Amino acid sequence: MIPGGLNALPPYLLRPGPRCTRAPRAARADDCADANAVPTSTNLPEVRAAILCLHNRAREKSGLPPLKEDAKLRKAANEHSAEMVRDRFFGHGDFVERLLESGYADDRWDFGENLAWGAGDISTPQALMTAWLDSPGQRKTILTKGFRHLGIGLKLGLPTDPTVGITVTTDFGDRG
């Protein structure tokens, strides 16, 4: 449990790229539209865009190229977030199999994944990003130089209570 009630698991990395040595300062909410929006059924596209923006601000501050959203990674991430809420668990599961089944993998690939969930003020894109950047494992995933793509999976509800909050999966990748 991360202070403030936000829950996150250690990231899952496969063949990570070069490790970044500088820790970024968290992106300011005013850098990205809707960074302080509490997720609802009517603003998930804006929440997704804010999460992508915040990832790219953190990467930019560390001299890394921006991530581009990938439809196949997004589909895998969305399905995983939905599964965690539906089946009431919080974990990576069969991460490799899930991303291979998405059709994203090529001859050469690198994958990473961060998970989080929160409700109320700790469910905003800024709160999620702050928690990820405060966690060495999640920060390393976000700042892996070799990652070029991101899929952001959002599901309203928590693994512990499907009537409140949001569960988020971020799947990172690079295919050769």
N, C-alpha and C. Protein backbone atom coordinates (compact mmCIF):
# COMPACT_ATOMS: atom_id res chain seq x y z
N MET A 1 0.84 -1.17 0.00
CA MET A 1 0.00 0.00 0.00
C MET A 1 0.89 1.23 0.00
N ILE A 2 0.70 2.11 -0.94
CA ILE A 2 1.44 3.36 -1.03
C ILE A 2 0.69 4.38 -0.17
N PRO A 3 1.42 5.26 0.56
CA PRO A 3 0.75 6.24 1.42
C PRO A 3 -0.36 6.97 0.67
N GLY A 4 -1.44 7.23 1.37
CA GLY A 4 -2.58 7.92 0.78
C GLY A 4 -3.63 6.96 0.26
N GLY A 5 -3.38 5.68 0.36
CA GLY A 5 -4.38 4.70 -0.02
C GLY A 5 -4.25 4.16 -1.44
N LEU A 6 -3.39 4.74 -2.26
CA LEU A 6 -3.21 4.24 -3.62
C LEU A 6 -2.44 2.94 -3.56
N ASN A 7 -2.92 1.97 -4.27
CA ASN A 7 -2.25 0.67 -4.28
C ASN A 7 -1.56 0.45 -5.61
N ALA A 8 -0.37 -0.07 -5.56
CA ALA A 8 0.37 -0.38 -6.77
C ALA A 8 1.23 -1.61 -6.50
N LEU A 9 1.43 -2.38 -7.53
CA LEU A 9 2.31 -3.54 -7.44
C LEU A 9 3.65 -3.20 -8.05
N PRO A 10 4.67 -3.97 -7.69
CA PRO A 10 5.94 -3.80 -8.38
C PRO A 10 5.72 -4.00 -9.88
N PRO A 11 6.46 -3.29 -10.68
CA PRO A 11 6.28 -3.43 -12.12
C PRO A 11 6.76 -4.78 -12.61
N TYR A 12 6.37 -5.11 -13.80
CA TYR A 12 6.78 -6.34 -14.44
C TYR A 12 7.57 -5.93 -15.67
N LEU A 13 8.85 -6.26 -15.70
CA LEU A 13 9.70 -5.90 -16.82
C LEU A 13 10.26 -7.14 -17.49
N LEU A 14 10.28 -7.14 -18.78
CA LEU A 14 10.94 -8.17 -19.57
C LEU A 14 11.95 -7.49 -20.47
N ARG A 15 13.17 -7.92 -20.40
CA ARG A 15 14.24 -7.37 -21.21
C ARG A 15 14.21 -5.85 -21.22
N PRO A 16 14.33 -5.20 -20.04
CA PRO A 16 14.27 -3.74 -20.01
C PRO A 16 15.45 -3.12 -20.73
N GLY A 17 15.22 -1.95 -21.26
CA GLY A 17 16.27 -1.19 -21.92
C GLY A 17 17.22 -0.61 -20.87
N PRO A 18 18.11 0.29 -21.30
CA PRO A 18 19.09 0.88 -20.38
C PRO A 18 18.39 1.58 -19.22
N ARG A 19 18.95 1.44 -18.06
CA ARG A 19 18.36 2.03 -16.86
C ARG A 19 18.67 3.52 -16.81
N CYS A 20 17.69 4.31 -16.46
CA CYS A 20 17.88 5.75 -16.30
C CYS A 20 18.40 6.00 -14.89
N THR A 21 19.30 6.94 -14.75
CA THR A 21 19.89 7.18 -13.45
C THR A 21 19.30 8.41 -12.77
N ARG A 22 18.66 9.29 -13.49
CA ARG A 22 18.09 10.49 -12.88
C ARG A 22 16.62 10.26 -12.57
N ALA A 23 16.23 10.62 -11.37
CA ALA A 23 14.81 10.56 -11.02
C ALA A 23 14.16 11.88 -11.45
N PRO A 24 13.03 11.82 -12.15
CA PRO A 24 12.40 13.05 -12.59
C PRO A 24 11.60 13.68 -11.46
N ARG A 25 11.37 14.97 -11.57
CA ARG A 25 10.39 15.55 -10.66
C ARG A 25 9.04 15.22 -11.27
N ALA A 26 8.06 15.04 -10.44
CA ALA A 26 6.73 14.70 -10.94
C ALA A 26 6.22 15.83 -11.84
N ALA A 27 5.57 15.45 -12.92
CA ALA A 27 4.99 16.44 -13.81
C ALA A 27 3.95 17.24 -13.04
N ARG A 28 3.91 18.54 -13.29
CA ARG A 28 2.89 19.37 -12.64
C ARG A 28 1.56 19.15 -13.34
N ALA A 29 0.50 19.20 -12.56
CA ALA A 29 -0.82 18.97 -13.11
C ALA A 29 -1.18 19.98 -14.18
N ASP A 30 -0.66 21.21 -14.06
CA ASP A 30 -1.01 22.22 -15.06
C ASP A 30 -0.29 22.01 -16.38
N ASP A 31 0.66 21.08 -16.42
CA ASP A 31 1.34 20.72 -17.66
C ASP A 31 0.43 19.89 -18.57
N CYS A 32 -0.54 19.19 -18.01
CA CYS A 32 -1.38 18.26 -18.75
C CYS A 32 -2.86 18.53 -18.43
N ALA A 33 -3.66 18.73 -19.46
CA ALA A 33 -5.09 18.94 -19.25
C ALA A 33 -5.70 17.74 -18.54
N ASP A 34 -6.63 17.99 -17.65
CA ASP A 34 -7.40 16.96 -16.94
C ASP A 34 -6.57 16.10 -15.99
N ALA A 35 -5.36 16.55 -15.62
CA ALA A 35 -4.52 15.77 -14.73
C ALA A 35 -5.14 15.61 -13.34
N ASN A 36 -5.99 16.54 -12.95
CA ASN A 36 -6.62 16.46 -11.63
C ASN A 36 -8.06 16.00 -11.69
N ALA A 37 -8.48 15.45 -12.82
CA ALA A 37 -9.85 14.98 -12.98
C ALA A 37 -10.05 13.65 -12.26
N VAL A 38 -11.10 13.57 -11.47
CA VAL A 38 -11.49 12.29 -10.87
C VAL A 38 -12.21 11.50 -11.97
N PRO A 39 -11.78 10.29 -12.26
CA PRO A 39 -12.38 9.51 -13.36
C PRO A 39 -13.88 9.23 -13.13
N THR A 40 -14.64 9.40 -14.22
CA THR A 40 -16.06 9.08 -14.23
C THR A 40 -16.37 8.39 -15.56
N SER A 41 -17.58 7.92 -15.70
CA SER A 41 -17.96 7.26 -16.95
C SER A 41 -17.96 8.22 -18.13
N THR A 42 -17.95 9.51 -17.89
CA THR A 42 -18.02 10.48 -18.99
C THR A 42 -16.67 11.09 -19.37
N ASN A 43 -15.60 10.83 -18.59
CA ASN A 43 -14.33 11.50 -18.90
C ASN A 43 -13.14 10.55 -19.08
N LEU A 44 -13.39 9.28 -19.33
CA LEU A 44 -12.27 8.34 -19.45
C LEU A 44 -11.31 8.67 -20.60
N PRO A 45 -11.79 9.15 -21.76
CA PRO A 45 -10.82 9.53 -22.80
C PRO A 45 -9.89 10.66 -22.34
N GLU A 46 -10.43 11.61 -21.60
CA GLU A 46 -9.60 12.72 -21.09
C GLU A 46 -8.63 12.22 -20.02
N VAL A 47 -9.08 11.31 -19.17
CA VAL A 47 -8.20 10.73 -18.15
C VAL A 47 -7.07 9.96 -18.82
N ARG A 48 -7.39 9.19 -19.84
CA ARG A 48 -6.36 8.43 -20.58
C ARG A 48 -5.34 9.40 -21.21
N ALA A 49 -5.82 10.46 -21.82
CA ALA A 49 -4.93 11.44 -22.44
C ALA A 49 -4.04 12.11 -21.39
N ALA A 50 -4.58 12.39 -20.22
CA ALA A 50 -3.78 13.01 -19.15
C ALA A 50 -2.70 12.04 -18.66
N ILE A 51 -3.04 10.76 -18.52
CA ILE A 51 -2.04 9.77 -18.09
C ILE A 51 -0.91 9.68 -19.11
N LEU A 52 -1.24 9.66 -20.39
CA LEU A 52 -0.21 9.63 -21.42
C LEU A 52 0.64 10.90 -21.36
N CYS A 53 -0.01 12.04 -21.24
CA CYS A 53 0.70 13.31 -21.15
C CYS A 53 1.67 13.32 -19.97
N LEU A 54 1.21 12.89 -18.81
CA LEU A 54 2.07 12.88 -17.62
C LEU A 54 3.25 11.92 -17.78
N HIS A 55 3.03 10.77 -18.41
CA HIS A 55 4.15 9.86 -18.68
C HIS A 55 5.18 10.57 -19.57
N ASN A 56 4.69 11.23 -20.61
CA ASN A 56 5.61 11.88 -21.54
C ASN A 56 6.31 13.09 -20.93
N ARG A 57 5.67 13.80 -20.02
CA ARG A 57 6.34 14.91 -19.32
C ARG A 57 7.48 14.36 -18.46
N ALA A 58 7.22 13.26 -17.75
CA ALA A 58 8.28 12.66 -16.92
C ALA A 58 9.44 12.19 -17.78
N ARG A 59 9.13 11.58 -18.91
CA ARG A 59 10.19 11.11 -19.81
C ARG A 59 10.96 12.28 -20.41
N GLU A 60 10.25 13.32 -20.79
CA GLU A 60 10.90 14.50 -21.36
C GLU A 60 11.89 15.10 -20.36
N LYS A 61 11.50 15.19 -19.10
CA LYS A 61 12.37 15.76 -18.06
C LYS A 61 13.61 14.92 -17.84
N SER A 62 13.58 13.66 -18.25
CA SER A 62 14.75 12.79 -18.14
C SER A 62 15.46 12.61 -19.48
N GLY A 63 15.09 13.43 -20.46
CA GLY A 63 15.75 13.38 -21.75
C GLY A 63 15.39 12.17 -22.59
N LEU A 64 14.22 11.60 -22.35
CA LEU A 64 13.79 10.39 -23.08
C LEU A 64 12.74 10.74 -24.12
N PRO A 65 12.65 9.92 -25.17
CA PRO A 65 11.64 10.17 -26.20
C PRO A 65 10.23 9.89 -25.65
N PRO A 66 9.24 10.54 -26.23
CA PRO A 66 7.86 10.32 -25.78
C PRO A 66 7.35 8.94 -26.17
N LEU A 67 6.36 8.49 -25.41
CA LEU A 67 5.67 7.25 -25.73
C LEU A 67 4.50 7.57 -26.65
N LYS A 68 4.21 6.66 -27.56
CA LYS A 68 3.05 6.77 -28.42
C LYS A 68 2.06 5.70 -28.00
N GLU A 69 0.79 6.05 -27.97
CA GLU A 69 -0.20 5.06 -27.59
C GLU A 69 -0.35 4.03 -28.70
N ASP A 70 -0.45 2.76 -28.29
CA ASP A 70 -0.59 1.65 -29.21
C ASP A 70 -1.92 0.95 -28.96
N ALA A 71 -2.70 0.75 -30.03
CA ALA A 71 -4.04 0.17 -29.89
C ALA A 71 -4.02 -1.25 -29.34
N LYS A 72 -3.03 -2.06 -29.75
CA LYS A 72 -2.97 -3.44 -29.27
C LYS A 72 -2.61 -3.49 -27.79
N LEU A 73 -1.66 -2.65 -27.38
CA LEU A 73 -1.31 -2.59 -25.96
C LEU A 73 -2.48 -2.04 -25.14
N ARG A 74 -3.21 -1.07 -25.70
CA ARG A 74 -4.37 -0.52 -24.99
C ARG A 74 -5.43 -1.59 -24.78
N LYS A 75 -5.68 -2.38 -25.80
CA LYS A 75 -6.70 -3.44 -25.70
C LYS A 75 -6.29 -4.44 -24.60
N ALA A 76 -5.02 -4.86 -24.59
CA ALA A 76 -4.55 -5.79 -23.56
C ALA A 76 -4.66 -5.16 -22.17
N ALA A 77 -4.30 -3.89 -22.05
CA ALA A 77 -4.37 -3.21 -20.76
C ALA A 77 -5.81 -3.04 -20.29
N ASN A 78 -6.70 -2.66 -21.20
CA ASN A 78 -8.12 -2.52 -20.85
C ASN A 78 -8.69 -3.85 -20.36
N GLU A 79 -8.38 -4.91 -21.07
CA GLU A 79 -8.90 -6.23 -20.69
C GLU A 79 -8.38 -6.65 -19.32
N HIS A 80 -7.12 -6.32 -19.03
CA HIS A 80 -6.57 -6.71 -17.73
C HIS A 80 -7.20 -5.90 -16.60
N SER A 81 -7.36 -4.61 -16.80
CA SER A 81 -8.01 -3.79 -15.76
C SER A 81 -9.43 -4.30 -15.49
N ALA A 82 -10.16 -4.60 -16.56
CA ALA A 82 -11.53 -5.12 -16.40
C ALA A 82 -11.53 -6.46 -15.67
N GLU A 83 -10.57 -7.32 -16.01
CA GLU A 83 -10.48 -8.63 -15.36
C GLU A 83 -10.20 -8.48 -13.86
N MET A 84 -9.31 -7.56 -13.50
CA MET A 84 -8.98 -7.39 -12.08
C MET A 84 -10.21 -6.94 -11.28
N VAL A 85 -11.00 -6.01 -11.86
CA VAL A 85 -12.21 -5.55 -11.15
C VAL A 85 -13.25 -6.67 -11.11
N ARG A 86 -13.48 -7.31 -12.23
CA ARG A 86 -14.49 -8.37 -12.32
C ARG A 86 -14.17 -9.55 -11.39
N ASP A 87 -12.91 -9.99 -11.41
CA ASP A 87 -12.52 -11.17 -10.65
C ASP A 87 -11.96 -10.84 -9.26
N ARG A 88 -11.94 -9.57 -8.93
CA ARG A 88 -11.55 -9.09 -7.60
C ARG A 88 -10.15 -9.56 -7.18
N PHE A 89 -9.18 -9.26 -8.05
CA PHE A 89 -7.77 -9.51 -7.70
C PHE A 89 -6.95 -8.34 -8.20
N PHE A 90 -5.75 -8.23 -7.69
CA PHE A 90 -4.85 -7.16 -8.12
C PHE A 90 -3.49 -7.78 -8.35
N GLY A 91 -3.11 -7.96 -9.60
CA GLY A 91 -1.83 -8.57 -9.92
C GLY A 91 -1.59 -8.59 -11.42
N HIS A 92 -0.37 -8.92 -11.77
CA HIS A 92 0.00 -8.94 -13.18
C HIS A 92 -0.57 -10.15 -13.92
N GLY A 93 -0.85 -11.23 -13.21
CA GLY A 93 -1.37 -12.41 -13.89
C GLY A 93 -0.37 -12.94 -14.89
N ASP A 94 -0.86 -13.55 -15.97
CA ASP A 94 0.02 -14.07 -17.02
C ASP A 94 0.31 -12.95 -18.01
N PHE A 95 1.13 -12.04 -17.55
CA PHE A 95 1.47 -10.82 -18.29
C PHE A 95 2.01 -11.11 -19.69
N VAL A 96 2.98 -12.00 -19.77
CA VAL A 96 3.61 -12.31 -21.06
C VAL A 96 2.59 -12.88 -22.04
N GLU A 97 1.83 -13.86 -21.60
CA GLU A 97 0.83 -14.48 -22.48
C GLU A 97 -0.19 -13.45 -22.95
N ARG A 98 -0.62 -12.59 -22.05
CA ARG A 98 -1.61 -11.57 -22.40
C ARG A 98 -1.09 -10.64 -23.49
N LEU A 99 0.15 -10.21 -23.36
CA LEU A 99 0.68 -9.29 -24.36
C LEU A 99 1.04 -9.99 -25.67
N LEU A 100 1.43 -11.25 -25.60
CA LEU A 100 1.65 -12.00 -26.83
C LEU A 100 0.33 -12.20 -27.58
N GLU A 101 -0.73 -12.51 -26.85
CA GLU A 101 -2.05 -12.72 -27.47
C GLU A 101 -2.60 -11.43 -28.08
N SER A 102 -2.13 -10.29 -27.61
CA SER A 102 -2.63 -9.01 -28.13
C SER A 102 -2.20 -8.77 -29.58
N GLY A 103 -1.19 -9.52 -30.03
CA GLY A 103 -0.68 -9.31 -31.38
C GLY A 103 0.39 -8.24 -31.44
N TYR A 104 0.77 -7.68 -30.30
CA TYR A 104 1.76 -6.61 -30.29
C TYR A 104 3.17 -7.12 -30.57
N ALA A 105 3.50 -8.30 -30.06
CA ALA A 105 4.87 -8.80 -30.13
C ALA A 105 5.31 -9.03 -31.57
N ASP A 106 6.56 -8.77 -31.81
CA ASP A 106 7.20 -8.92 -33.11
C ASP A 106 8.38 -9.86 -32.92
N ASP A 107 9.33 -9.84 -33.85
CA ASP A 107 10.53 -10.65 -33.72
C ASP A 107 11.35 -10.24 -32.50
N ARG A 108 11.38 -8.96 -32.22
CA ARG A 108 12.12 -8.43 -31.08
C ARG A 108 11.14 -7.59 -30.27
N TRP A 109 11.11 -7.81 -28.96
CA TRP A 109 10.17 -7.06 -28.15
C TRP A 109 10.66 -6.89 -26.73
N ASP A 110 10.25 -5.81 -26.13
CA ASP A 110 10.46 -5.53 -24.72
C ASP A 110 9.10 -5.13 -24.16
N PHE A 111 8.77 -5.57 -22.97
CA PHE A 111 7.50 -5.25 -22.33
C PHE A 111 7.74 -4.78 -20.90
N GLY A 112 6.84 -3.97 -20.40
CA GLY A 112 6.80 -3.59 -18.99
C GLY A 112 5.36 -3.30 -18.61
N GLU A 113 5.07 -3.34 -17.33
CA GLU A 113 3.70 -3.08 -16.89
C GLU A 113 3.70 -2.47 -15.50
N ASN A 114 2.87 -1.45 -15.32
CA ASN A 114 2.59 -0.87 -14.01
C ASN A 114 1.09 -0.97 -13.77
N LEU A 115 0.72 -1.19 -12.52
CA LEU A 115 -0.68 -1.28 -12.13
C LEU A 115 -0.94 -0.33 -10.97
N ALA A 116 -2.16 0.16 -10.88
CA ALA A 116 -2.56 0.98 -9.74
C ALA A 116 -4.06 1.00 -9.63
N TRP A 117 -4.54 1.32 -8.44
CA TRP A 117 -5.96 1.61 -8.27
C TRP A 117 -6.11 2.63 -7.16
N GLY A 118 -7.19 3.40 -7.27
CA GLY A 118 -7.46 4.42 -6.26
C GLY A 118 -8.87 4.93 -6.39
N ALA A 119 -9.33 5.63 -5.37
CA ALA A 119 -10.67 6.21 -5.37
C ALA A 119 -10.58 7.67 -4.94
N GLY A 120 -11.55 8.47 -5.37
CA GLY A 120 -11.59 9.88 -4.99
C GLY A 120 -10.37 10.63 -5.47
N ASP A 121 -9.82 11.48 -4.61
CA ASP A 121 -8.69 12.32 -4.97
C ASP A 121 -7.44 11.52 -5.36
N ILE A 122 -7.33 10.29 -4.90
CA ILE A 122 -6.14 9.50 -5.25
C ILE A 122 -6.36 8.66 -6.50
N SER A 123 -7.44 8.96 -7.24
CA SER A 123 -7.67 8.28 -8.50
C SER A 123 -7.38 9.17 -9.70
N THR A 124 -6.98 10.40 -9.46
CA THR A 124 -6.72 11.32 -10.57
C THR A 124 -5.45 10.90 -11.30
N PRO A 125 -5.32 11.26 -12.57
CA PRO A 125 -4.07 10.95 -13.28
C PRO A 125 -2.84 11.47 -12.54
N GLN A 126 -2.92 12.68 -11.97
CA GLN A 126 -1.76 13.23 -11.25
C GLN A 126 -1.43 12.40 -10.03
N ALA A 127 -2.43 11.97 -9.27
CA ALA A 127 -2.17 11.16 -8.07
C ALA A 127 -1.55 9.82 -8.46
N LEU A 128 -2.07 9.19 -9.52
CA LEU A 128 -1.51 7.93 -9.99
C LEU A 128 -0.05 8.11 -10.40
N MET A 129 0.21 9.17 -11.18
CA MET A 129 1.56 9.40 -11.68
C MET A 129 2.53 9.71 -10.55
N THR A 130 2.09 10.50 -9.59
CA THR A 130 2.94 10.81 -8.44
C THR A 130 3.32 9.54 -7.70
N ALA A 131 2.35 8.66 -7.48
CA ALA A 131 2.63 7.39 -6.79
C ALA A 131 3.59 6.53 -7.60
N TRP A 132 3.39 6.44 -8.91
CA TRP A 132 4.29 5.64 -9.74
C TRP A 132 5.71 6.20 -9.70
N LEU A 133 5.84 7.51 -9.80
CA LEU A 133 7.18 8.11 -9.80
C LEU A 133 7.84 8.03 -8.44
N ASP A 134 7.05 7.93 -7.37
CA ASP A 134 7.62 7.78 -6.02
C ASP A 134 8.03 6.34 -5.72
N SER A 135 7.67 5.41 -6.59
CA SER A 135 8.03 4.01 -6.42
C SER A 135 9.19 3.69 -7.36
N PRO A 136 10.35 3.27 -6.82
CA PRO A 136 11.50 3.02 -7.69
C PRO A 136 11.21 2.05 -8.83
N GLY A 137 10.47 1.00 -8.58
CA GLY A 137 10.18 0.03 -9.65
C GLY A 137 9.32 0.60 -10.75
N GLN A 138 8.24 1.29 -10.35
CA GLN A 138 7.37 1.88 -11.37
C GLN A 138 8.09 3.00 -12.13
N ARG A 139 8.87 3.82 -11.40
CA ARG A 139 9.62 4.89 -12.06
C ARG A 139 10.57 4.29 -13.10
N LYS A 140 11.22 3.18 -12.74
CA LYS A 140 12.14 2.54 -13.69
C LYS A 140 11.40 2.10 -14.96
N THR A 141 10.21 1.55 -14.79
CA THR A 141 9.43 1.14 -15.96
C THR A 141 9.09 2.35 -16.83
N ILE A 142 8.60 3.41 -16.21
CA ILE A 142 8.22 4.62 -16.95
C ILE A 142 9.42 5.20 -17.69
N LEU A 143 10.60 5.12 -17.07
CA LEU A 143 11.79 5.75 -17.64
C LEU A 143 12.71 4.78 -18.36
N THR A 144 12.21 3.64 -18.76
CA THR A 144 13.01 2.73 -19.56
C THR A 144 13.16 3.33 -20.96
N LYS A 145 14.38 3.62 -21.31
CA LYS A 145 14.67 4.33 -22.57
C LYS A 145 14.13 3.60 -23.79
N GLY A 146 14.22 2.27 -23.79
CA GLY A 146 13.84 1.51 -24.97
C GLY A 146 12.36 1.44 -25.25
N PHE A 147 11.51 1.76 -24.28
CA PHE A 147 10.07 1.70 -24.53
C PHE A 147 9.65 2.84 -25.46
N ARG A 148 8.83 2.50 -26.45
CA ARG A 148 8.33 3.49 -27.41
C ARG A 148 6.82 3.59 -27.40
N HIS A 149 6.14 2.56 -26.89
CA HIS A 149 4.68 2.50 -26.96
C HIS A 149 4.08 2.29 -25.58
N LEU A 150 2.83 2.75 -25.44
CA LEU A 150 2.11 2.61 -24.18
C LEU A 150 0.65 2.27 -24.47
N GLY A 151 0.12 1.35 -23.71
CA GLY A 151 -1.31 1.06 -23.72
C GLY A 151 -1.85 1.34 -22.33
N ILE A 152 -2.90 2.15 -22.25
CA ILE A 152 -3.46 2.54 -20.96
C ILE A 152 -4.83 1.91 -20.83
N GLY A 153 -4.98 1.04 -19.85
CA GLY A 153 -6.24 0.36 -19.59
C GLY A 153 -6.93 0.93 -18.37
N LEU A 154 -8.16 1.38 -18.54
CA LEU A 154 -8.92 1.99 -17.46
C LEU A 154 -10.21 1.22 -17.25
N LYS A 155 -10.51 0.94 -15.99
CA LYS A 155 -11.78 0.31 -15.65
C LYS A 155 -12.30 0.96 -14.37
N LEU A 156 -13.48 1.54 -14.45
CA LEU A 156 -14.08 2.08 -13.24
C LEU A 156 -14.35 0.94 -12.28
N GLY A 157 -14.04 1.16 -11.02
CA GLY A 157 -14.19 0.14 -9.99
C GLY A 157 -12.84 -0.29 -9.47
N LEU A 158 -12.86 -0.87 -8.28
CA LEU A 158 -11.65 -1.37 -7.64
C LEU A 158 -11.73 -2.88 -7.51
N PRO A 159 -10.60 -3.55 -7.43
CA PRO A 159 -10.64 -4.99 -7.17
C PRO A 159 -11.33 -5.32 -5.84
N THR A 160 -11.31 -4.39 -4.92
CA THR A 160 -11.93 -4.60 -3.61
C THR A 160 -13.37 -4.11 -3.54
N ASP A 161 -13.77 -3.25 -4.48
CA ASP A 161 -15.12 -2.69 -4.49
C ASP A 161 -15.42 -2.15 -5.89
N PRO A 162 -16.15 -2.89 -6.70
CA PRO A 162 -16.40 -2.47 -8.08
C PRO A 162 -17.32 -1.26 -8.23
N THR A 163 -17.79 -0.70 -7.12
CA THR A 163 -18.71 0.45 -7.21
C THR A 163 -18.02 1.80 -7.06
N VAL A 164 -16.72 1.81 -6.76
CA VAL A 164 -16.00 3.08 -6.58
C VAL A 164 -14.64 3.01 -7.24
N GLY A 165 -14.06 4.19 -7.53
CA GLY A 165 -12.67 4.30 -7.97
C GLY A 165 -12.39 3.83 -9.38
N ILE A 166 -11.11 3.61 -9.63
CA ILE A 166 -10.63 3.18 -10.94
C ILE A 166 -9.43 2.25 -10.77
N THR A 167 -9.34 1.30 -11.67
CA THR A 167 -8.20 0.38 -11.74
C THR A 167 -7.49 0.64 -13.06
N VAL A 168 -6.17 0.79 -13.01
CA VAL A 168 -5.39 1.21 -14.18
C VAL A 168 -4.27 0.22 -14.45
N THR A 169 -4.14 -0.17 -15.70
CA THR A 169 -3.01 -0.96 -16.19
C THR A 169 -2.30 -0.12 -17.25
N THR A 170 -1.00 0.02 -17.12
CA THR A 170 -0.21 0.65 -18.18
C THR A 170 0.77 -0.39 -18.71
N ASP A 171 0.63 -0.72 -19.98
CA ASP A 171 1.51 -1.69 -20.64
C ASP A 171 2.45 -0.94 -21.57
N PHE A 172 3.74 -1.16 -21.38
CA PHE A 172 4.79 -0.51 -22.14
C PHE A 172 5.40 -1.51 -23.11
N GLY A 173 5.86 -1.03 -24.25
CA GLY A 173 6.49 -1.95 -25.18
C GLY A 173 7.39 -1.29 -26.17
N ASP A 174 8.15 -2.14 -26.81
CA ASP A 174 8.98 -1.78 -27.95
C ASP A 174 9.06 -3.01 -28.81
N ARG A 175 8.65 -2.90 -30.02
CA ARG A 175 8.79 -4.03 -30.93
C ARG A 175 9.76 -3.62 -32.03
N GLY A 176 10.63 -4.55 -32.33
CA GLY A 176 11.71 -4.28 -33.27
C GLY A 176 11.25 -4.04 -34.60
